[in-house]
Amino acid sequence: MTVLPLHLGSLHPVEQALTLLLAFGPFLLLGVVIVVRRRQDAADDAPEGVREGVPPEQARPAQRDGQRDR
């Protein structure tokens, strides 16, 4: 039994694929952009040594503006 969306009529399979891509593609792209930005933000928030592969116990905390090394 074939499901036929009556509001679209009978579409060629390529037309069906393009319609689905147009309908859901922007949401998929938005999801990818959100995931990538969250990873970049998490990497920016990580201490300096963690980004370079140094174990956390050996990494120095990132120095903030106005703070000195002691």
C-alpha atoms as a PDB file:
ATOM      1  CA  MET A   1       0.000   0.000   0.000  1.00  0.00           C
ATOM      2  CA  THR A   2       1.529   3.288  -1.109  1.00  0.00           C
ATOM      3  CA  VAL A   3       0.977   6.386   0.976  1.00  0.00           C
ATOM      4  CA  LEU A   4       0.217   9.306  -1.304  1.00  0.00           C
ATOM      5  CA  PRO A   5       0.210  12.794   0.212  1.00  0.00           C
ATOM      6  CA  LEU A   6      -2.832  14.215  -1.544  1.00  0.00           C
ATOM      7  CA  HIS A   7      -1.899  17.846  -1.030  1.00  0.00           C
ATOM      8  CA  LEU A   8       1.256  17.305  -3.133  1.00  0.00           C
ATOM      9  CA  GLY A   9      -0.222  15.056  -5.747  1.00  0.00           C
ATOM     10  CA  SER A  10       1.888  12.424  -7.401  1.00  0.00           C
ATOM     11  CA  LEU A  11       5.512  13.573  -7.381  1.00  0.00           C
ATOM     12  CA  HIS A  12       8.546  12.051  -9.018  1.00  0.00           C
ATOM     13  CA  PRO A  13      10.901  10.492  -6.410  1.00  0.00           C
ATOM     14  CA  VAL A  14      13.468  13.237  -7.064  1.00  0.00           C
ATOM     15  CA  GLU A  15      10.796  15.868  -6.451  1.00  0.00           C
ATOM     16  CA  GLN A  16       9.797  14.132  -3.233  1.00  0.00           C
ATOM     17  CA  ALA A  17      13.422  14.124  -2.054  1.00  0.00           C
ATOM     18  CA  LEU A  18      13.856  17.793  -2.900  1.00  0.00           C
ATOM     19  CA  THR A  19      10.614  18.673  -1.109  1.00  0.00           C
ATOM     20  CA  LEU A  20      11.756  16.840   2.032  1.00  0.00           C
ATOM     21  CA  LEU A  21      15.180  18.465   1.827  1.00  0.00           C
ATOM     22  CA  LEU A  22      13.609  21.881   1.514  1.00  0.00           C
ATOM     23  CA  ALA A  23      11.264  21.185   4.425  1.00  0.00           C
ATOM     24  CA  PHE A  24      13.745  19.662   6.890  1.00  0.00           C
ATOM     25  CA  GLY A  25      17.160  20.768   5.590  1.00  0.00           C
ATOM     26  CA  PRO A  26      17.246  24.131   7.403  1.00  0.00           C
ATOM     27  CA  PHE A  27      16.497  22.445  10.744  1.00  0.00           C
ATOM     28  CA  LEU A  28      19.248  19.885  10.203  1.00  0.00           C
ATOM     29  CA  LEU A  29      21.695  22.640   9.277  1.00  0.00           C
ATOM     30  CA  LEU A  30      20.721  24.617  12.369  1.00  0.00           C
ATOM     31  CA  GLY A  31      21.333  21.541  14.528  1.00  0.00           C
ATOM     32  CA  VAL A  32      24.798  21.056  13.038  1.00  0.00           C
ATOM     33  CA  VAL A  33      25.674  24.736  13.587  1.00  0.00           C
ATOM     34  CA  ILE A  34      24.552  24.543  17.230  1.00  0.00           C
ATOM     35  CA  VAL A  35      26.641  21.414  17.871  1.00  0.00           C
ATOM     36  CA  VAL A  36      29.750  22.924  16.265  1.00  0.00           C
ATOM     37  CA  ARG A  37      29.438  26.235  18.167  1.00  0.00           C
ATOM     38  CA  ARG A  38      28.919  24.444  21.498  1.00  0.00           C
ATOM     39  CA  ARG A  39      32.075  22.409  20.888  1.00  0.00           C
ATOM     40  CA  GLN A  40      34.015  25.571  20.061  1.00  0.00           C
ATOM     41  CA  ASP A  41      32.687  27.323  23.175  1.00  0.00           C
ATOM     42  CA  ALA A  42      33.584  24.318  25.339  1.00  0.00           C
ATOM     43  CA  ALA A  43      37.100  24.293  23.880  1.00  0.00           C
ATOM     44  CA  ASP A  44      37.462  28.035  24.561  1.00  0.00           C
ATOM     45  CA  ASP A  45      36.378  27.544  28.181  1.00  0.00           C
ATOM     46  CA  ALA A  46      38.807  24.662  28.754  1.00  0.00           C
ATOM     47  CA  PRO A  47      42.099  25.435  30.519  1.00  0.00           C
ATOM     48  CA  GLU A  48      45.075  26.060  28.257  1.00  0.00           C
ATOM     49  CA  GLY A  49      46.808  22.727  28.971  1.00  0.00           C
ATOM     50  CA  VAL A  50      43.729  20.625  28.355  1.00  0.00           C
ATOM     51  CA  ARG A  51      43.467  21.948  24.807  1.00  0.00           C
ATOM     52  CA  GLU A  52      47.104  20.975  24.195  1.00  0.00           C
ATOM     53  CA  GLY A  53      46.699  17.431  25.526  1.00  0.00           C
ATOM     54  CA  VAL A  54      48.379  18.022  28.911  1.00  0.00           C
ATOM     55  CA  PRO A  55      46.675  16.165  31.789  1.00  0.00           C
ATOM     56  CA  PRO A  56      44.535  18.533  33.937  1.00  0.00           C
ATOM     57  CA  GLU A  57      46.672  18.057  37.066  1.00  0.00           C
ATOM     58  CA  GLN A  58      49.733  19.377  35.212  1.00  0.00           C
ATOM     59  CA  ALA A  59      47.966  22.223  33.429  1.00  0.00           C
ATOM     60  CA  ARG A  60      48.290  25.753  34.778  1.00  0.00           C
ATOM     61  CA  PRO A  61      45.026  27.631  35.139  1.00  0.00           C
ATOM     62  CA  ALA A  62      44.515  30.290  32.509  1.00  0.00           C
ATOM     63  CA  GLN A  63      45.723  33.710  33.615  1.00  0.00           C
ATOM     64  CA  ARG A  64      43.067  36.412  33.608  1.00  0.00           C
ATOM     65  CA  ASP A  65      43.642  40.075  32.885  1.00  0.00           C
ATOM     66  CA  GLY A  66      45.044  41.870  35.923  1.00  0.00           C
ATOM     67  CA  GLN A  67      46.293  38.722  37.686  1.00  0.00           C
ATOM     68  CA  ARG A  68      49.927  37.929  38.239  1.00  0.00           C
ATOM     69  CA  ASP A  69      51.826  34.655  38.533  1.00  0.00           C
ATOM     70  CA  ARG A  70      52.995  33.900  42.052  1.00  0.00           C
END
